[in-house]
N, C-alpha and C. Protein backbone atom coordinates (compact mmCIF):
# COMPACT_ATOMS: atom_id res chain seq x y z
N MET A 1 128.42 118.66 97.66
CA MET A 1 127.22 118.98 97.72
C MET A 1 126.52 120.17 97.59
N ASN A 2 128.02 121.28 96.87
CA ASN A 2 127.89 122.66 96.49
C ASN A 2 127.12 122.24 95.01
N ASN A 3 127.10 121.11 94.26
CA ASN A 3 126.38 120.79 92.79
C ASN A 3 125.52 120.36 92.79
N VAL A 4 124.52 120.10 94.17
CA VAL A 4 123.49 119.24 93.69
C VAL A 4 122.83 119.92 93.26
N PHE A 5 122.37 121.24 93.82
CA PHE A 5 121.33 122.04 92.79
C PHE A 5 121.50 122.44 91.54
N LYS A 6 122.70 122.79 90.93
CA LYS A 6 123.57 122.93 89.86
C LYS A 6 122.77 122.30 88.22
N THR A 7 122.27 122.94 87.36
CA THR A 7 121.85 122.78 86.77
C THR A 7 121.73 123.86 85.63
N LYS A 8 121.49 122.99 84.21
CA LYS A 8 122.01 123.51 83.02
C LYS A 8 120.33 123.28 81.94
N LEU A 9 120.14 124.52 82.19
CA LEU A 9 119.24 124.55 81.31
C LEU A 9 119.12 124.43 80.01
N ASN A 10 119.95 122.76 78.94
CA ASN A 10 120.13 122.98 77.52
C ASN A 10 118.79 122.82 77.21
N THR A 11 119.14 121.86 76.10
CA THR A 11 117.74 121.60 75.05
C THR A 11 117.33 120.04 74.99
N ALA A 12 118.70 119.50 76.08
CA ALA A 12 118.00 118.41 76.19
C ALA A 12 117.58 118.31 77.76
N SER A 13 117.53 119.12 78.82
CA SER A 13 117.09 118.89 79.57
C SER A 13 115.86 119.90 79.63
N LEU A 14 115.61 120.73 78.54
CA LEU A 14 114.00 120.81 78.14
C LEU A 14 113.73 120.26 77.16
N VAL A 15 113.29 119.16 76.27
CA VAL A 15 113.31 118.21 75.86
C VAL A 15 112.49 116.91 76.97
N LEU A 16 113.70 116.76 78.17
CA LEU A 16 113.46 115.72 78.71
C LEU A 16 111.74 116.21 80.09
N ILE A 17 112.00 117.66 79.71
CA ILE A 17 110.82 117.44 81.05
C ILE A 17 109.68 117.47 80.22
N PRO A 18 108.80 117.76 79.30
CA PRO A 18 107.32 117.01 78.60
C PRO A 18 107.65 115.43 78.69
N ALA A 19 108.69 114.78 78.06
CA ALA A 19 108.98 113.34 77.78
C ALA A 19 108.77 113.28 79.50
N CYS A 20 109.45 113.46 80.48
CA CYS A 20 108.64 112.55 81.63
C CYS A 20 107.04 113.14 82.19
N ILE A 21 106.81 114.20 81.84
CA ILE A 21 105.87 114.73 82.41
C ILE A 21 104.80 113.07 81.46
N GLY A 22 104.95 113.06 80.20
CA GLY A 22 104.21 112.40 79.48
C GLY A 22 104.07 110.34 79.54
N ILE A 23 105.56 110.29 80.12
CA ILE A 23 105.81 108.94 81.21
C ILE A 23 104.73 109.11 82.35
N ASN A 24 104.79 110.06 82.94
CA ASN A 24 103.62 110.08 84.34
C ASN A 24 102.44 109.83 83.87
N TYR A 25 102.21 110.35 82.75
CA TYR A 25 100.79 110.08 82.33
C TYR A 25 100.33 108.38 81.43
N LEU A 26 101.38 107.63 80.72
CA LEU A 26 101.51 106.36 80.64
C LEU A 26 101.34 105.56 81.78
N GLY A 27 102.36 106.10 83.22
CA GLY A 27 101.92 105.43 83.93
C GLY A 27 101.31 105.37 85.04
N LYS A 28 100.40 106.31 85.17
CA LYS A 28 99.27 106.58 85.34
C LYS A 28 97.85 105.31 85.10
N LEU A 29 98.12 105.85 83.47
CA LEU A 29 97.20 105.33 82.95
C LEU A 29 97.28 103.23 83.08
N PHE A 30 98.65 103.15 82.56
CA PHE A 30 99.30 101.71 82.90
C PHE A 30 98.20 100.77 84.07
N ALA A 31 98.72 101.55 84.87
CA ALA A 31 98.55 101.56 86.15
C ALA A 31 96.75 101.16 86.42
N SER A 32 96.40 102.01 85.85
CA SER A 32 94.60 102.48 85.92
C SER A 32 93.90 101.02 84.92
N VAL A 33 94.63 100.92 83.96
CA VAL A 33 93.87 99.35 82.61
C VAL A 33 93.79 98.41 83.72
N LEU A 34 95.00 98.78 84.36
CA LEU A 34 95.20 97.68 85.02
C LEU A 34 95.01 97.23 86.32
N LYS A 35 94.25 97.89 86.55
CA LYS A 35 93.62 98.24 88.10
C LYS A 35 94.75 97.48 89.43
N LEU A 36 95.27 98.37 88.87
CA LEU A 36 96.52 97.73 89.95
C LEU A 36 96.35 98.79 91.04
N PRO A 37 96.69 98.44 92.82
CA PRO A 37 96.62 99.09 93.68
C PRO A 37 97.94 100.33 93.27
N LEU A 38 98.17 100.90 92.57
CA LEU A 38 99.11 101.67 93.16
C LEU A 38 99.38 102.41 91.89
N TRP A 39 100.15 103.18 91.67
CA TRP A 39 99.49 105.10 90.83
C TRP A 39 100.91 104.92 89.83
N LEU A 40 101.83 104.84 90.43
CA LEU A 40 102.31 104.03 89.12
C LEU A 40 103.17 105.81 88.28
N ASP A 41 102.58 106.42 88.77
CA ASP A 41 102.26 107.95 87.97
C ASP A 41 103.82 109.21 88.04
N ALA A 42 105.25 108.78 89.55
CA ALA A 42 105.81 109.43 88.84
C ALA A 42 107.30 108.77 88.47
N ILE A 43 107.23 107.55 87.39
CA ILE A 43 108.36 107.25 86.70
C ILE A 43 109.25 108.02 86.06
N GLY A 44 108.16 109.45 85.30
CA GLY A 44 108.45 110.48 84.35
C GLY A 44 109.68 111.22 85.60
N THR A 45 108.83 111.55 86.29
CA THR A 45 109.38 112.92 87.44
C THR A 45 110.84 112.16 87.89
N CYS A 46 110.88 110.68 88.78
CA CYS A 46 112.49 110.36 88.57
C CYS A 46 113.49 110.38 87.81
N ILE A 47 112.34 109.62 86.62
CA ILE A 47 113.64 109.48 85.19
C ILE A 47 113.94 110.93 85.66
N GLY A 48 113.20 111.68 85.27
CA GLY A 48 113.76 113.55 85.05
C GLY A 48 114.15 114.45 86.46
N GLY A 49 114.15 113.02 87.60
CA GLY A 49 115.17 113.69 88.60
C GLY A 49 116.46 113.48 89.25
N ALA A 50 116.41 111.86 88.21
CA ALA A 50 117.74 111.00 88.18
C ALA A 50 118.82 111.34 87.14
N LEU A 51 118.09 112.01 85.90
CA LEU A 51 118.64 112.50 84.61
C LEU A 51 119.34 113.71 84.64
N GLY A 52 118.18 114.71 85.45
CA GLY A 52 118.48 116.38 84.88
C GLY A 52 118.94 116.40 86.14
N GLY A 53 118.68 116.14 87.63
CA GLY A 53 119.25 116.49 88.40
C GLY A 53 117.30 117.09 89.40
N PRO A 54 117.70 117.88 90.44
CA PRO A 54 116.30 118.48 91.14
C PRO A 54 115.45 119.26 90.77
N ILE A 55 116.24 120.10 90.47
CA ILE A 55 115.40 121.48 89.82
C ILE A 55 114.67 120.48 88.54
N ILE A 56 115.48 119.84 88.19
CA ILE A 56 114.49 119.57 86.22
C ILE A 56 113.25 118.18 86.72
N GLY A 57 113.68 117.31 87.97
CA GLY A 57 112.60 116.81 88.81
C GLY A 57 111.32 117.57 89.09
N ALA A 58 111.75 118.76 90.20
CA ALA A 58 110.91 119.49 90.47
C ALA A 58 110.06 119.81 89.48
N ILE A 59 110.41 120.20 88.96
CA ILE A 59 109.63 120.98 87.69
C ILE A 59 108.40 119.96 86.93
N CYS A 60 109.42 118.37 86.79
CA CYS A 60 108.45 117.40 86.00
C CYS A 60 107.65 117.12 87.34
N GLY A 61 107.34 117.07 88.48
CA GLY A 61 106.79 116.66 89.73
C GLY A 61 107.24 116.75 91.10
N ALA A 62 107.50 118.30 91.25
CA ALA A 62 107.25 118.95 92.34
C ALA A 62 108.51 117.81 93.72
N ALA A 63 107.48 118.11 94.58
CA ALA A 63 109.00 117.26 96.03
C ALA A 63 109.17 115.87 95.50
N ILE A 64 108.80 114.61 95.04
CA ILE A 64 109.35 113.89 94.62
C ILE A 64 110.44 113.91 93.70
N GLY A 65 110.45 114.87 92.60
CA GLY A 65 110.94 114.87 91.62
C GLY A 65 112.31 115.63 92.55
N LEU A 66 112.14 116.51 93.29
CA LEU A 66 113.37 117.02 93.46
C LEU A 66 114.21 116.10 95.15
N ALA A 67 113.32 115.22 95.71
CA ALA A 67 113.97 114.56 96.48
C ALA A 67 114.77 113.03 95.55
N VAL A 68 114.60 112.44 94.97
CA VAL A 68 114.88 111.22 93.55
C VAL A 68 116.04 112.23 93.35
N GLY A 69 116.24 113.49 92.54
CA GLY A 69 117.28 114.68 92.10
C GLY A 69 118.33 114.68 93.01
N ILE A 70 117.76 115.01 94.35
CA ILE A 70 119.55 114.99 95.07
C ILE A 70 119.68 113.85 95.52
N MET A 71 119.18 113.10 95.76
CA MET A 71 119.83 111.39 96.17
C MET A 71 120.31 110.88 94.67
N ALA A 72 120.02 111.15 93.71
CA ALA A 72 120.71 110.57 92.83
C ALA A 72 122.35 111.77 92.21
N ARG A 73 121.91 112.75 92.41
CA ARG A 73 123.35 113.28 92.54
C ARG A 73 124.36 112.92 93.71
N LEU A 74 123.66 112.51 94.96
CA LEU A 74 124.22 112.31 96.40
C LEU A 74 124.97 110.85 95.61
N GLY A 75 124.83 110.13 94.70
CA GLY A 75 125.28 108.81 93.48
C GLY A 75 124.09 107.85 94.65
N LYS A 76 122.91 107.68 94.96
CA LYS A 76 122.36 107.34 95.52
C LYS A 76 121.40 105.85 94.08
N MET A 77 121.64 106.33 93.05
CA MET A 77 120.82 106.33 92.14
C MET A 77 121.85 104.84 91.25
N GLU A 78 123.12 104.54 92.12
CA GLU A 78 123.98 104.16 91.20
C GLU A 78 123.70 102.55 91.78
N ASN A 79 123.16 102.12 92.70
CA ASN A 79 123.41 100.74 93.00
C ASN A 79 122.10 100.29 93.62
N ALA A 80 121.57 99.33 93.76
CA ALA A 80 120.05 98.38 94.11
C ALA A 80 119.80 99.32 95.71
N GLY A 81 120.80 99.41 96.38
CA GLY A 81 120.68 99.41 97.70
C GLY A 81 119.79 101.17 97.51
N GLY A 82 120.89 101.62 97.13
CA GLY A 82 120.88 103.18 96.78
C GLY A 82 119.46 103.61 96.91
N ALA A 83 118.98 102.69 95.69
CA ALA A 83 117.66 102.78 95.24
C ALA A 83 116.35 102.65 95.99
N ILE A 84 116.83 101.71 96.47
CA ILE A 84 115.82 101.30 97.52
C ILE A 84 115.70 102.83 98.28
N LEU A 85 116.38 102.69 98.79
CA LEU A 85 117.04 104.45 99.70
C LEU A 85 115.97 105.69 99.44
N THR A 86 116.29 105.32 98.04
CA THR A 86 116.38 106.77 96.92
C THR A 86 114.11 106.68 97.25
N ALA A 87 114.11 105.16 96.73
CA ALA A 87 112.61 104.93 97.15
C ALA A 87 111.87 105.50 97.96
N VAL A 88 112.52 104.72 99.47
CA VAL A 88 112.28 105.38 100.63
C VAL A 88 111.68 106.15 101.11
N VAL A 89 113.16 107.71 100.66
CA VAL A 89 112.98 108.73 100.72
C VAL A 89 112.12 109.53 99.86
N ALA A 90 111.48 109.44 98.61
CA ALA A 90 110.98 109.54 98.28
C ALA A 90 109.32 109.41 98.19
N GLY A 91 109.04 108.25 98.80
CA GLY A 91 107.98 107.58 99.41
C GLY A 91 107.67 108.71 100.65
N LEU A 92 108.41 108.77 101.57
CA LEU A 92 108.25 109.19 102.44
C LEU A 92 108.05 110.69 102.80
N VAL A 93 108.54 111.67 101.19
CA VAL A 93 108.30 112.78 101.65
C VAL A 93 106.87 113.09 100.49
N ALA A 94 106.45 111.97 99.74
CA ALA A 94 105.17 112.11 99.66
C ALA A 94 104.02 111.84 99.96
N VAL A 95 104.51 111.39 101.11
CA VAL A 95 103.64 110.70 102.30
C VAL A 95 103.44 112.67 103.05
N CYS A 96 104.38 113.23 103.90
CA CYS A 96 104.64 114.57 104.23
C CYS A 96 104.15 115.58 103.33
N VAL A 97 103.97 115.39 102.46
CA VAL A 97 103.11 116.48 101.04
C VAL A 97 101.82 116.21 101.09
N SER A 98 101.23 114.89 100.87
CA SER A 98 100.42 114.22 100.43
C SER A 98 99.16 114.41 101.65
N THR A 99 99.93 113.73 103.07
CA THR A 99 98.56 113.53 103.79
C THR A 99 98.26 115.08 104.15
N PRO A 100 98.78 116.27 104.04
CA PRO A 100 97.96 117.53 104.83
C PRO A 100 96.98 117.81 103.06
N LEU A 101 97.10 117.69 102.39
CA LEU A 101 96.62 118.17 101.49
C LEU A 101 95.30 116.87 100.85
N ASN A 102 95.58 115.61 101.66
CA ASN A 102 94.36 114.57 101.67
C ASN A 102 93.11 114.90 102.48
N VAL A 103 93.68 115.48 103.87
CA VAL A 103 92.87 115.98 104.50
C VAL A 103 92.60 117.11 104.53
N LEU A 104 92.49 118.03 103.79
CA LEU A 104 92.31 119.06 103.22
C LEU A 104 91.01 119.16 101.97
N PHE A 105 91.74 118.49 101.34
CA PHE A 105 90.67 118.29 99.98
C PHE A 105 89.57 117.30 99.79
N TRP A 106 90.27 116.11 100.31
CA TRP A 106 89.19 115.02 100.28
C TRP A 106 89.20 114.31 101.43
N GLY A 107 89.06 114.84 103.08
CA GLY A 107 88.71 114.52 104.05
C GLY A 107 89.46 113.34 104.29
N GLY A 108 90.44 113.01 103.98
CA GLY A 108 91.26 112.20 104.55
C GLY A 108 91.67 111.42 103.44
N THR A 109 91.43 110.58 102.61
CA THR A 109 91.15 109.84 101.83
C THR A 109 91.97 109.79 100.83
N THR A 110 92.75 108.71 99.80
CA THR A 110 93.87 108.99 98.52
C THR A 110 92.94 108.76 96.98
N GLY A 111 91.43 107.97 97.33
CA GLY A 111 91.45 107.86 96.05
C GLY A 111 91.84 106.09 95.81
N ASN A 112 92.58 105.43 96.73
CA ASN A 112 93.23 104.15 96.43
C ASN A 112 92.85 103.17 96.78
N VAL A 113 92.56 101.54 96.91
CA VAL A 113 91.51 100.95 96.85
C VAL A 113 92.66 100.95 98.33
N TRP A 114 94.12 99.89 98.38
CA TRP A 114 94.15 99.86 99.58
C TRP A 114 94.47 100.70 100.90
N GLY A 115 94.61 101.69 100.53
CA GLY A 115 94.66 103.19 101.77
C GLY A 115 93.41 103.10 102.12
N ASP A 116 92.53 103.58 101.68
CA ASP A 116 91.52 104.09 101.60
C ASP A 116 90.62 102.92 102.55
N ALA A 117 90.55 101.83 102.59
CA ALA A 117 90.00 101.08 103.30
C ALA A 117 91.03 100.43 104.63
N LEU A 118 92.13 101.36 104.86
CA LEU A 118 92.78 101.50 106.26
C LEU A 118 92.54 102.97 106.15
N PHE A 119 92.10 103.61 106.29
CA PHE A 119 91.71 104.97 105.88
C PHE A 119 90.08 104.74 106.81
N ALA A 120 89.48 103.58 105.92
CA ALA A 120 87.86 103.58 106.72
C ALA A 120 88.52 102.83 107.78
N ALA A 121 88.55 101.85 108.02
CA ALA A 121 89.38 100.83 109.56
C ALA A 121 89.80 102.08 110.22
N THR A 122 90.73 103.18 110.28
CA THR A 122 91.26 103.66 110.76
C THR A 122 89.62 104.42 111.52
N GLN A 123 88.83 105.18 110.85
CA GLN A 123 88.13 106.12 111.30
C GLN A 123 87.08 105.21 111.94
N ALA A 124 86.34 104.17 111.68
CA ALA A 124 86.22 103.42 112.35
C ALA A 124 86.49 102.72 113.76
N ALA A 125 87.38 103.02 113.89
CA ALA A 125 88.46 102.77 115.54
C ALA A 125 88.45 104.20 115.74
N ASN A 126 87.31 105.10 115.40
CA ASN A 126 87.88 106.47 115.77
C ASN A 126 89.34 106.97 115.72
N MET A 127 89.89 106.67 115.82
CA MET A 127 91.13 107.38 115.22
C MET A 127 91.07 108.86 114.59
N PRO A 128 91.74 109.76 114.88
CA PRO A 128 92.14 110.95 114.31
C PRO A 128 92.21 111.49 112.62
N VAL A 129 91.80 112.22 112.03
CA VAL A 129 91.28 111.79 110.13
C VAL A 129 93.31 111.96 109.80
N ALA A 130 94.00 112.45 110.44
CA ALA A 130 95.00 112.91 110.24
C ALA A 130 95.73 111.20 110.41
N LEU A 131 96.04 110.85 111.47
CA LEU A 131 96.74 109.76 111.26
C LEU A 131 95.92 108.64 110.60
N GLY A 132 94.83 109.14 110.24
CA GLY A 132 94.46 107.64 108.98
C GLY A 132 94.86 108.18 108.28
N SER A 133 94.50 109.09 107.96
CA SER A 133 94.97 109.69 106.51
C SER A 133 96.21 109.28 105.87
N LEU A 134 97.36 109.66 107.01
CA LEU A 134 98.97 109.18 107.07
C LEU A 134 99.20 108.26 106.45
N LEU A 135 98.43 107.28 107.82
CA LEU A 135 98.22 105.50 107.50
C LEU A 135 98.04 104.60 105.76
N ASP A 136 96.45 105.82 105.48
CA ASP A 136 96.92 105.70 103.90
C ASP A 136 97.93 105.72 102.89
N GLU A 137 97.85 107.40 103.22
CA GLU A 137 99.33 107.08 102.24
C GLU A 137 100.47 106.53 102.49
N VAL A 138 101.17 106.14 103.52
CA VAL A 138 102.95 105.41 103.87
C VAL A 138 102.07 103.76 103.29
N VAL A 139 100.42 103.40 103.28
CA VAL A 139 100.45 101.70 102.85
C VAL A 139 100.84 101.66 101.25
N VAL A 140 100.59 102.85 100.52
CA VAL A 140 100.28 103.23 98.97
C VAL A 140 101.63 104.35 98.48
N ASP A 141 102.27 105.09 99.05
CA ASP A 141 103.15 105.61 98.29
C ASP A 141 104.10 105.10 98.70
N VAL A 142 104.60 104.46 99.72
CA VAL A 142 105.76 104.01 99.94
C VAL A 142 106.00 102.48 99.44
N PRO A 143 105.46 101.76 98.78
CA PRO A 143 105.23 100.55 98.03
C PRO A 143 105.37 100.87 96.43
N ASP A 144 104.68 101.91 96.15
CA ASP A 144 104.09 102.62 94.97
C ASP A 144 106.25 103.18 94.44
N LYS A 145 106.01 103.84 95.31
CA LYS A 145 107.83 104.91 94.84
C LYS A 145 108.81 103.64 94.50
N ILE A 146 108.64 102.69 95.75
CA ILE A 146 109.74 101.46 95.63
C ILE A 146 109.71 100.86 94.52
N ILE A 147 108.20 100.36 94.14
CA ILE A 147 108.53 99.73 92.64
C ILE A 147 108.60 100.95 91.51
N THR A 148 108.03 102.24 91.48
CA THR A 148 108.39 103.10 90.77
C THR A 148 110.22 102.92 90.09
N ILE A 149 110.35 103.53 91.68
CA ILE A 149 111.94 103.98 91.43
C ILE A 149 113.46 102.75 91.00
N LEU A 150 112.69 101.36 91.20
CA LEU A 150 113.02 100.12 90.74
C LEU A 150 112.85 99.59 89.42
N ILE A 151 111.90 100.46 89.36
CA ILE A 151 111.58 100.61 87.28
C ILE A 151 112.61 101.61 86.73
N VAL A 152 112.55 103.03 87.31
CA VAL A 152 112.88 103.84 86.64
C VAL A 152 115.43 103.43 87.06
N PHE A 153 115.97 102.83 88.38
CA PHE A 153 117.05 101.89 88.32
C PHE A 153 117.46 101.31 86.89
N ALA A 154 116.06 100.24 86.40
CA ALA A 154 115.93 99.29 85.27
C ALA A 154 116.36 100.33 84.12
N ILE A 155 115.81 100.83 84.03
CA ILE A 155 115.43 101.80 82.82
C ILE A 155 117.02 103.21 82.55
N LEU A 156 117.05 103.15 83.36
CA LEU A 156 118.96 104.01 83.87
C LEU A 156 120.08 102.84 83.15
């Protein structure tokens, strides 16, 4: 556990960071062009976390990269079961970070078709905005991170 956060900032890790950020943009573009109900904008972040550790992952994409980096350092990206566990952890971290931001800046919506349809249904049922936004994030972020981590697992 002592070496989970140990990071070497060498040339390889410094080149990895912008490459991973670029991969994030390509994933988002791919999902947007194909009109997918997912984001796929964290593939690079997860690669950075898995290869460089939690610090490099966090530089690439904050909390999600940190979570994936920790899980990878704990050996959870070495088999498919561990990758699924990593995906669920990353998805739940994304939900916890994104929900308050969505409520604060966008009234609870995410801008995703599936999630915002669920959010609209919760608001029509007079549920609290925070709960609607939480559910909105769960139906989008957890499946998105599962697909993202499976793509990363296949790449690695």
